[in-house]
Amino acid sequence: MLRSDQEDVDLSVGDLIYDCGLGLKGMILKIRPREEAFGAPYRVLYESLTPTEEGHIEWVMRHDLELLDNQWLSLDNQTVRKRDEAVHN
């Protein structure tokens, strides 16, 4: 299931993503088969919010994820969140 404003792009292990629900960037580590996924097939390693905090790993749903291209990789989370809010509001 995708949001109405979301592009249907195939995601792969190693893809860099932005999670619109959490407001964090991350990388896909694993993709579960549909029959095992229970709606959340993507295992994502999220970046840390501070230099002293470690990142975290979660299983997430597709509709929360946007594939990042190179222009977004260097942006900080606050800038990406503002861009996301502008697109979705």
PDB file of N, CA and C in Angstrom:
ATOM      1  N   MET A   1       0.842  -1.167   0.000  1.00  0.00           N
ATOM      2  CA  MET A   1       0.000   0.000   0.000  1.00  0.00           C
ATOM      3  C   MET A   1       0.896   1.242   0.000  1.00  0.00           C
ATOM      4  N   LEU A   2       0.556   2.197  -0.837  1.00  0.00           N
ATOM      5  CA  LEU A   2       1.324   3.434  -0.948  1.00  0.00           C
ATOM      6  C   LEU A   2       0.431   4.634  -0.661  1.00  0.00           C
ATOM      7  N   ARG A   3       1.054   5.740  -0.270  1.00  0.00           N
ATOM      8  CA  ARG A   3       0.309   6.994  -0.117  1.00  0.00           C
ATOM      9  C   ARG A   3      -0.053   7.503  -1.505  1.00  0.00           C
ATOM     10  N   SER A   4      -1.050   8.347  -1.596  1.00  0.00           N
ATOM     11  CA  SER A   4      -1.491   8.850  -2.902  1.00  0.00           C
ATOM     12  C   SER A   4      -0.415   9.689  -3.594  1.00  0.00           C
ATOM     13  N   ASP A   5       0.478  10.305  -2.827  1.00  0.00           N
ATOM     14  CA  ASP A   5       1.528  11.141  -3.401  1.00  0.00           C
ATOM     15  C   ASP A   5       2.861  10.402  -3.546  1.00  0.00           C
ATOM     16  N   GLN A   6       2.840   9.099  -3.337  1.00  0.00           N
ATOM     17  CA  GLN A   6       4.082   8.321  -3.314  1.00  0.00           C
ATOM     18  C   GLN A   6       4.324   7.610  -4.636  1.00  0.00           C
ATOM     19  N   GLU A   7       5.579   7.650  -5.059  1.00  0.00           N
ATOM     20  CA  GLU A   7       5.990   6.971  -6.283  1.00  0.00           C
ATOM     21  C   GLU A   7       6.160   5.482  -6.022  1.00  0.00           C
ATOM     22  N   ASP A   8       5.731   4.646  -6.947  1.00  0.00           N
ATOM     23  CA  ASP A   8       5.882   3.197  -6.801  1.00  0.00           C
ATOM     24  C   ASP A   8       7.241   2.778  -7.354  1.00  0.00           C
ATOM     25  N   VAL A   9       8.237   2.779  -6.477  1.00  0.00           N
ATOM     26  CA  VAL A   9       9.606   2.430  -6.839  1.00  0.00           C
ATOM     27  C   VAL A   9       9.974   1.153  -6.110  1.00  0.00           C
ATOM     28  N   ASP A  10      10.581   0.201  -6.808  1.00  0.00           N
ATOM     29  CA  ASP A  10      11.043  -1.015  -6.144  1.00  0.00           C
ATOM     30  C   ASP A  10      12.206  -0.679  -5.231  1.00  0.00           C
ATOM     31  N   LEU A  11      12.120  -1.110  -3.991  1.00  0.00           N
ATOM     32  CA  LEU A  11      13.201  -0.895  -3.040  1.00  0.00           C
ATOM     33  C   LEU A  11      14.024  -2.172  -2.926  1.00  0.00           C
ATOM     34  N   SER A  12      15.326  -2.015  -2.698  1.00  0.00           N
ATOM     35  CA  SER A  12      16.241  -3.147  -2.625  1.00  0.00           C
ATOM     36  C   SER A  12      17.129  -3.030  -1.393  1.00  0.00           C
ATOM     37  N   VAL A  13      17.711  -4.142  -1.000  1.00  0.00           N
ATOM     38  CA  VAL A  13      18.690  -4.136   0.081  1.00  0.00           C
ATOM     39  C   VAL A  13      19.823  -3.188  -0.314  1.00  0.00           C
ATOM     40  N   GLY A  14      20.209  -2.335   0.621  1.00  0.00           N
ATOM     41  CA  GLY A  14      21.265  -1.359   0.373  1.00  0.00           C
ATOM     42  C   GLY A  14      20.767   0.008  -0.037  1.00  0.00           C
ATOM     43  N   ASP A  15      19.467   0.118  -0.386  1.00  0.00           N
ATOM     44  CA  ASP A  15      18.920   1.427  -0.763  1.00  0.00           C
ATOM     45  C   ASP A  15      18.893   2.360   0.447  1.00  0.00           C
ATOM     46  N   LEU A  16      19.185   3.621   0.193  1.00  0.00           N
ATOM     47  CA  LEU A  16      19.082   4.650   1.221  1.00  0.00           C
ATOM     48  C   LEU A  16      17.689   5.249   1.136  1.00  0.00           C
ATOM     49  N   ILE A  17      17.036   5.370   2.291  1.00  0.00           N
ATOM     50  CA  ILE A  17      15.637   5.793   2.330  1.00  0.00           C
ATOM     51  C   ILE A  17      15.437   6.918   3.335  1.00  0.00           C
ATOM     52  N   TYR A  18      14.301   7.578   3.214  1.00  0.00           N
ATOM     53  CA  TYR A  18      13.827   8.520   4.217  1.00  0.00           C
ATOM     54  C   TYR A  18      12.500   7.983   4.722  1.00  0.00           C
ATOM     55  N   ASP A  19      12.364   7.847   6.031  1.00  0.00           N
ATOM     56  CA  ASP A  19      11.131   7.365   6.644  1.00  0.00           C
ATOM     57  C   ASP A  19      10.282   8.568   7.022  1.00  0.00           C
ATOM     58  N   CYS A  20       9.190   8.771   6.299  1.00  0.00           N
ATOM     59  CA  CYS A  20       8.312   9.920   6.519  1.00  0.00           C
ATOM     60  C   CYS A  20       7.627   9.857   7.883  1.00  0.00           C
ATOM     61  N   GLY A  21       7.370   8.654   8.370  1.00  0.00           N
ATOM     62  CA  GLY A  21       6.716   8.499   9.672  1.00  0.00           C
ATOM     63  C   GLY A  21       7.622   8.875  10.826  1.00  0.00           C
ATOM     64  N   LEU A  22       8.881   8.472  10.748  1.00  0.00           N
ATOM     65  CA  LEU A  22       9.837   8.751  11.823  1.00  0.00           C
ATOM     66  C   LEU A  22      10.652  10.014  11.586  1.00  0.00           C
ATOM     67  N   GLY A  23      10.707  10.474  10.340  1.00  0.00           N
ATOM     68  CA  GLY A  23      11.521  11.633  10.019  1.00  0.00           C
ATOM     69  C   GLY A  23      13.008  11.346  10.081  1.00  0.00           C
ATOM     70  N   LEU A  24      13.393  10.118   9.696  1.00  0.00           N
ATOM     71  CA  LEU A  24      14.798   9.708   9.752  1.00  0.00           C
ATOM     72  C   LEU A  24      15.249   9.114   8.422  1.00  0.00           C
ATOM     73  N   LYS A  25      16.551   9.231   8.161  1.00  0.00           N
ATOM     74  CA  LYS A  25      17.146   8.558   7.015  1.00  0.00           C
ATOM     75  C   LYS A  25      17.685   7.214   7.473  1.00  0.00           C
ATOM     76  N   GLY A  26      17.749   6.259   6.545  1.00  0.00           N
ATOM     77  CA  GLY A  26      18.247   4.939   6.893  1.00  0.00           C
ATOM     78  C   GLY A  26      18.633   4.140   5.659  1.00  0.00           C
ATOM     79  N   MET A  27      19.006   2.886   5.895  1.00  0.00           N
ATOM     80  CA  MET A  27      19.396   1.982   4.817  1.00  0.00           C
ATOM     81  C   MET A  27      18.667   0.653   5.003  1.00  0.00           C
ATOM     82  N   ILE A  28      18.138   0.115   3.898  1.00  0.00           N
ATOM     83  CA  ILE A  28      17.442  -1.168   3.950  1.00  0.00           C
ATOM     84  C   ILE A  28      18.467  -2.285   4.110  1.00  0.00           C
ATOM     85  N   LEU A  29      18.265  -3.103   5.157  1.00  0.00           N
ATOM     86  CA  LEU A  29      19.173  -4.215   5.443  1.00  0.00           C
ATOM     87  C   LEU A  29      18.646  -5.545   4.935  1.00  0.00           C
ATOM     88  N   LYS A  30      17.321  -5.701   4.947  1.00  0.00           N
ATOM     89  CA  LYS A  30      16.718  -6.989   4.588  1.00  0.00           C
ATOM     90  C   LYS A  30      15.282  -6.756   4.133  1.00  0.00           C
ATOM     91  N   ILE A  31      14.812  -7.627   3.256  1.00  0.00           N
ATOM     92  CA  ILE A  31      13.413  -7.585   2.822  1.00  0.00           C
ATOM     93  C   ILE A  31      12.825  -8.974   3.017  1.00  0.00           C
ATOM     94  N   ARG A  32      11.762  -9.054   3.824  1.00  0.00           N
ATOM     95  CA  ARG A  32      11.102 -10.340   4.086  1.00  0.00           C
ATOM     96  C   ARG A  32      10.124 -10.672   2.963  1.00  0.00           C
ATOM     97  N   PRO A  33       9.939 -11.957   2.704  1.00  0.00           N
ATOM     98  CA  PRO A  33       8.903 -12.359   1.742  1.00  0.00           C
ATOM     99  C   PRO A  33       7.526 -11.909   2.233  1.00  0.00           C
ATOM    100  N   ARG A  34       6.638 -11.664   1.304  1.00  0.00           N
ATOM    101  CA  ARG A  34       5.292 -11.162   1.621  1.00  0.00           C
ATOM    102  C   ARG A  34       4.573 -12.007   2.678  1.00  0.00           C
ATOM    103  N   GLU A  35       4.679 -13.320   2.558  1.00  0.00           N
ATOM    104  CA  GLU A  35       3.968 -14.201   3.494  1.00  0.00           C
ATOM    105  C   GLU A  35       4.536 -14.166   4.910  1.00  0.00           C
ATOM    106  N   GLU A  36       5.733 -13.638   5.085  1.00  0.00           N
ATOM    107  CA  GLU A  36       6.345 -13.523   6.411  1.00  0.00           C
ATOM    108  C   GLU A  36       6.332 -12.091   6.941  1.00  0.00           C
ATOM    109  N   ALA A  37       5.994 -11.133   6.099  1.00  0.00           N
ATOM    110  CA  ALA A  37       6.192  -9.717   6.427  1.00  0.00           C
ATOM    111  C   ALA A  37       5.160  -9.133   7.388  1.00  0.00           C
ATOM    112  N   PHE A  38       3.934  -9.632   7.387  1.00  0.00           N
ATOM    113  CA  PHE A  38       2.859  -9.069   8.211  1.00  0.00           C
ATOM    114  C   PHE A  38       2.731  -7.561   8.011  1.00  0.00           C
ATOM    115  N   GLY A  39       2.899  -7.118   6.753  1.00  0.00           N
ATOM    116  CA  GLY A  39       2.736  -5.707   6.406  1.00  0.00           C
ATOM    117  C   GLY A  39       3.982  -4.855   6.560  1.00  0.00           C
ATOM    118  N   ALA A  40       5.027  -5.383   7.178  1.00  0.00           N
ATOM    119  CA  ALA A  40       6.257  -4.602   7.390  1.00  0.00           C
ATOM    120  C   ALA A  40       7.461  -5.399   6.882  1.00  0.00           C
ATOM    121  N   PRO A  41       7.685  -5.383   5.578  1.00  0.00           N
ATOM    122  CA  PRO A  41       8.716  -6.246   5.000  1.00  0.00           C
ATOM    123  C   PRO A  41      10.149  -5.709   5.046  1.00  0.00           C
ATOM    124  N   TYR A  42      10.328  -4.439   5.371  1.00  0.00           N
ATOM    125  CA  TYR A  42      11.654  -3.829   5.251  1.00  0.00           C
ATOM    126  C   TYR A  42      12.348  -3.688   6.606  1.00  0.00           C
ATOM    127  N   ARG A  43      13.531  -4.260   6.718  1.00  0.00           N
ATOM    128  CA  ARG A  43      14.371  -4.113   7.913  1.00  0.00           C
ATOM    129  C   ARG A  43      15.318  -2.956   7.623  1.00  0.00           C
ATOM    130  N   VAL A  44      15.203  -1.886   8.416  1.00  0.00           N
ATOM    131  CA  VAL A  44      15.949  -0.653   8.134  1.00  0.00           C
ATOM    132  C   VAL A  44      16.849  -0.290   9.311  1.00  0.00           C
ATOM    133  N   LEU A  45      18.093   0.062   8.976  1.00  0.00           N
ATOM    134  CA  LEU A  45      19.017   0.632   9.947  1.00  0.00           C
ATOM    135  C   LEU A  45      18.894   2.149   9.833  1.00  0.00           C
ATOM    136  N   TYR A  46      18.422   2.784  10.915  1.00  0.00           N
ATOM    137  CA  TYR A  46      18.247   4.227  10.933  1.00  0.00           C
ATOM    138  C   TYR A  46      19.481   4.906  11.508  1.00  0.00           C
ATOM    139  N   GLU A  47      19.726   6.112  11.027  1.00  0.00           N
ATOM    140  CA  GLU A  47      20.832   6.905  11.544  1.00  0.00           C
ATOM    141  C   GLU A  47      20.548   7.324  12.978  1.00  0.00           C
ATOM    142  N   SER A  48      21.602   7.720  13.679  1.00  0.00           N
ATOM    143  CA  SER A  48      21.427   8.234  15.036  1.00  0.00           C
ATOM    144  C   SER A  48      21.020   9.702  14.965  1.00  0.00           C
ATOM    145  N   LEU A  49      20.375  10.169  16.003  1.00  0.00           N
ATOM    146  CA  LEU A  49      19.937  11.566  16.046  1.00  0.00           C
ATOM    147  C   LEU A  49      21.024  12.490  16.587  1.00  0.00           C
ATOM    148  N   THR A  50      21.938  11.941  17.363  1.00  0.00           N
ATOM    149  CA  THR A  50      23.030  12.731  17.933  1.00  0.00           C
ATOM    150  C   THR A  50      24.337  11.972  17.723  1.00  0.00           C
ATOM    151  N   PRO A  51      25.468  12.678  17.806  1.00  0.00           N
ATOM    152  CA  PRO A  51      26.759  12.004  17.619  1.00  0.00           C
ATOM    153  C   PRO A  51      27.047  10.920  18.650  1.00  0.00           C
ATOM    154  N   THR A  52      26.438  10.998  19.833  1.00  0.00           N
ATOM    155  CA  THR A  52      26.711  10.014  20.880  1.00  0.00           C
ATOM    156  C   THR A  52      25.711   8.858  20.894  1.00  0.00           C
ATOM    157  N   GLU A  53      24.630   8.988  20.163  1.00  0.00           N
ATOM    158  CA  GLU A  53      23.594   7.947  20.127  1.00  0.00           C
ATOM    159  C   GLU A  53      23.873   6.968  18.991  1.00  0.00           C
ATOM    160  N   GLU A  54      23.567   5.704  19.229  1.00  0.00           N
ATOM    161  CA  GLU A  54      23.690   4.722  18.158  1.00  0.00           C
ATOM    162  C   GLU A  54      22.415   4.710  17.320  1.00  0.00           C
ATOM    163  N   GLY A  55      22.542   4.279  16.074  1.00  0.00           N
ATOM    164  CA  GLY A  55      21.360   4.117  15.243  1.00  0.00           C
ATOM    165  C   GLY A  55      20.520   2.959  15.758  1.00  0.00           C
ATOM    166  N   HIS A  56      19.357   2.759  15.181  1.00  0.00           N
ATOM    167  CA  HIS A  56      18.514   1.636  15.593  1.00  0.00           C
ATOM    168  C   HIS A  56      17.951   0.943  14.361  1.00  0.00           C
ATOM    169  N   ILE A  57      17.467  -0.289  14.557  1.00  0.00           N
ATOM    170  CA  ILE A  57      16.954  -1.121  13.474  1.00  0.00           C
ATOM    171  C   ILE A  57      15.492  -1.440  13.753  1.00  0.00           C
ATOM    172  N   GLU A  58      14.655  -1.329  12.710  1.00  0.00           N
ATOM    173  CA  GLU A  58      13.233  -1.642  12.843  1.00  0.00           C
ATOM    174  C   GLU A  58      12.707  -2.283  11.565  1.00  0.00           C
ATOM    175  N   TRP A  59      11.627  -3.052  11.693  1.00  0.00           N
ATOM    176  CA  TRP A  59      10.860  -3.524  10.536  1.00  0.00           C
ATOM    177  C   TRP A  59       9.838  -2.449  10.224  1.00  0.00           C
ATOM    178  N   VAL A  60       9.706  -2.053   8.949  1.00  0.00           N
ATOM    179  CA  VAL A  60       8.803  -0.956   8.602  1.00  0.00           C
ATOM    180  C   VAL A  60       7.971  -1.270   7.365  1.00  0.00           C
ATOM    181  N   MET A  61       6.896  -0.513   7.206  1.00  0.00           N
ATOM    182  CA  MET A  61       5.987  -0.650   6.076  1.00  0.00           C
ATOM    183  C   MET A  61       6.461   0.187   4.893  1.00  0.00           C
ATOM    184  N   ARG A  62       6.056  -0.190   3.721  1.00  0.00           N
ATOM    185  CA  ARG A  62       6.462   0.492   2.493  1.00  0.00           C
ATOM    186  C   ARG A  62       5.964   1.933   2.431  1.00  0.00           C
ATOM    187  N   HIS A  63       4.740   2.178   2.885  1.00  0.00           N
ATOM    188  CA  HIS A  63       4.168   3.522   2.723  1.00  0.00           C
ATOM    189  C   HIS A  63       4.914   4.589   3.528  1.00  0.00           C
ATOM    190  N   ASP A  64       5.754   4.202   4.489  1.00  0.00           N
ATOM    191  CA  ASP A  64       6.546   5.164   5.245  1.00  0.00           C
ATOM    192  C   ASP A  64       7.841   5.555   4.539  1.00  0.00           C
ATOM    193  N   LEU A  65       8.249   4.793   3.526  1.00  0.00           N
ATOM    194  CA  LEU A  65       9.583   4.952   2.951  1.00  0.00           C
ATOM    195  C   LEU A  65       9.599   5.675   1.617  1.00  0.00           C
ATOM    196  N   GLU A  66      10.562   6.572   1.487  1.00  0.00           N
ATOM    197  CA  GLU A  66      10.852   7.252   0.225  1.00  0.00           C
ATOM    198  C   GLU A  66      12.297   6.939  -0.132  1.00  0.00           C
ATOM    199  N   LEU A  67      12.544   6.571  -1.368  1.00  0.00           N
ATOM    200  CA  LEU A  67      13.898   6.319  -1.828  1.00  0.00           C
ATOM    201  C   LEU A  67      14.633   7.646  -1.939  1.00  0.00           C
ATOM    202  N   LEU A  68      15.825   7.729  -1.339  1.00  0.00           N
ATOM    203  CA  LEU A  68      16.618   8.951  -1.410  1.00  0.00           C
ATOM    204  C   LEU A  68      17.511   8.918  -2.636  1.00  0.00           C
ATOM    205  N   ASP A  69      17.605  10.049  -3.298  1.00  0.00           N
ATOM    206  CA  ASP A  69      18.598  10.153  -4.358  1.00  0.00           C
ATOM    207  C   ASP A  69      19.766  10.965  -3.809  1.00  0.00           C
ATOM    208  N   ASN A  70      20.802  11.114  -4.577  1.00  0.00           N
ATOM    209  CA  ASN A  70      22.035  11.737  -4.093  1.00  0.00           C
ATOM    210  C   ASN A  70      21.852  13.151  -3.567  1.00  0.00           C
ATOM    211  N   GLN A  71      20.891  13.910  -4.086  1.00  0.00           N
ATOM    212  CA  GLN A  71      20.722  15.289  -3.633  1.00  0.00           C
ATOM    213  C   GLN A  71      20.285  15.369  -2.177  1.00  0.00           C
ATOM    214  N   TRP A  72      19.612  14.319  -1.667  1.00  0.00           N
ATOM    215  CA  TRP A  72      19.122  14.352  -0.286  1.00  0.00           C
ATOM    216  C   TRP A  72      20.109  13.774   0.712  1.00  0.00           C
ATOM    217  N   LEU A  73      21.129  13.059   0.257  1.00  0.00           N
ATOM    218  CA  LEU A  73      22.018  12.367   1.180  1.00  0.00           C
ATOM    219  C   LEU A  73      22.800  13.313   2.072  1.00  0.00           C
ATOM    220  N   SER A  74      23.148  14.478   1.583  1.00  0.00           N
ATOM    221  CA  SER A  74      23.960  15.399   2.363  1.00  0.00           C
ATOM    222  C   SER A  74      23.126  16.334   3.250  1.00  0.00           C
ATOM    223  N   LEU A  75      21.813  16.292   3.136  1.00  0.00           N
ATOM    224  CA  LEU A  75      20.960  17.187   3.916  1.00  0.00           C
ATOM    225  C   LEU A  75      20.767  16.661   5.336  1.00  0.00           C
ATOM    226  N   ASP A  76      20.655  17.572   6.280  1.00  0.00           N
ATOM    227  CA  ASP A  76      20.383  17.166   7.654  1.00  0.00           C
ATOM    228  C   ASP A  76      18.895  16.826   7.786  1.00  0.00           C
ATOM    229  N   ASN A  77      18.542  16.160   8.876  1.00  0.00           N
ATOM    230  CA  ASN A  77      17.160  15.705   9.072  1.00  0.00           C
ATOM    231  C   ASN A  77      16.155  16.834   9.127  1.00  0.00           C
ATOM    232  N   GLN A  78      16.509  17.966   9.734  1.00  0.00           N
ATOM    233  CA  GLN A  78      15.565  19.075   9.831  1.00  0.00           C
ATOM    234  C   GLN A  78      15.191  19.598   8.443  1.00  0.00           C
ATOM    235  N   THR A  79      16.160  19.704   7.559  1.00  0.00           N
ATOM    236  CA  THR A  79      15.895  20.161   6.195  1.00  0.00           C
ATOM    237  C   THR A  79      15.021  19.158   5.459  1.00  0.00           C
ATOM    238  N   VAL A  80      15.306  17.872   5.620  1.00  0.00           N
ATOM    239  CA  VAL A  80      14.514  16.835   4.951  1.00  0.00           C
ATOM    240  C   VAL A  80      13.090  16.829   5.496  1.00  0.00           C
ATOM    241  N   ARG A  81      12.922  17.000   6.813  1.00  0.00           N
ATOM    242  CA  ARG A  81      11.577  17.044   7.396  1.00  0.00           C
ATOM    243  C   ARG A  81      10.767  18.218   6.831  1.00  0.00           C
ATOM    244  N   LYS A  82      11.408  19.388   6.709  1.00  0.00           N
ATOM    245  CA  LYS A  82      10.712  20.554   6.150  1.00  0.00           C
ATOM    246  C   LYS A  82      10.277  20.287   4.715  1.00  0.00           C
ATOM    247  N   ARG A  83      11.139  19.652   3.936  1.00  0.00           N
ATOM    248  CA  ARG A  83      10.809  19.301   2.554  1.00  0.00           C
ATOM    249  C   ARG A  83       9.645  18.324   2.531  1.00  0.00           C
ATOM    250  N   ASP A  84       9.680  17.349   3.419  1.00  0.00           N
ATOM    251  CA  ASP A  84       8.622  16.350   3.486  1.00  0.00           C
ATOM    252  C   ASP A  84       7.291  16.980   3.883  1.00  0.00           C
ATOM    253  N   GLU A  85       7.299  17.871   4.851  1.00  0.00           N
ATOM    254  CA  GLU A  85       6.084  18.555   5.272  1.00  0.00           C
ATOM    255  C   GLU A  85       5.509  19.392   4.138  1.00  0.00           C
ATOM    256  N   ALA A  86       6.367  20.061   3.405  1.00  0.00           N
ATOM    257  CA  ALA A  86       5.904  20.892   2.286  1.00  0.00           C
ATOM    258  C   ALA A  86       5.249  20.045   1.199  1.00  0.00           C
ATOM    259  N   VAL A  87       5.795  18.875   0.941  1.00  0.00           N
ATOM    260  CA  VAL A  87       5.256  17.984  -0.089  1.00  0.00           C
ATOM    261  C   VAL A  87       3.924  17.398   0.349  1.00  0.00           C
ATOM    262  N   HIS A  88       3.786  17.050   1.632  1.00  0.00           N
ATOM    263  CA  HIS A  88       2.604  16.331   2.111  1.00  0.00           C
ATOM    264  C   HIS A  88       1.514  17.225   2.676  1.00  0.00           C
ATOM    265  N   ASN A  89       1.733  18.518   2.751  1.00  0.00           N
ATOM    266  CA  ASN A  89       0.698  19.421   3.282  1.00  0.00           C
ATOM    267  C   ASN A  89       0.095  20.280   2.208  1.00  0.00           C
TER     268      ASN A  89
END
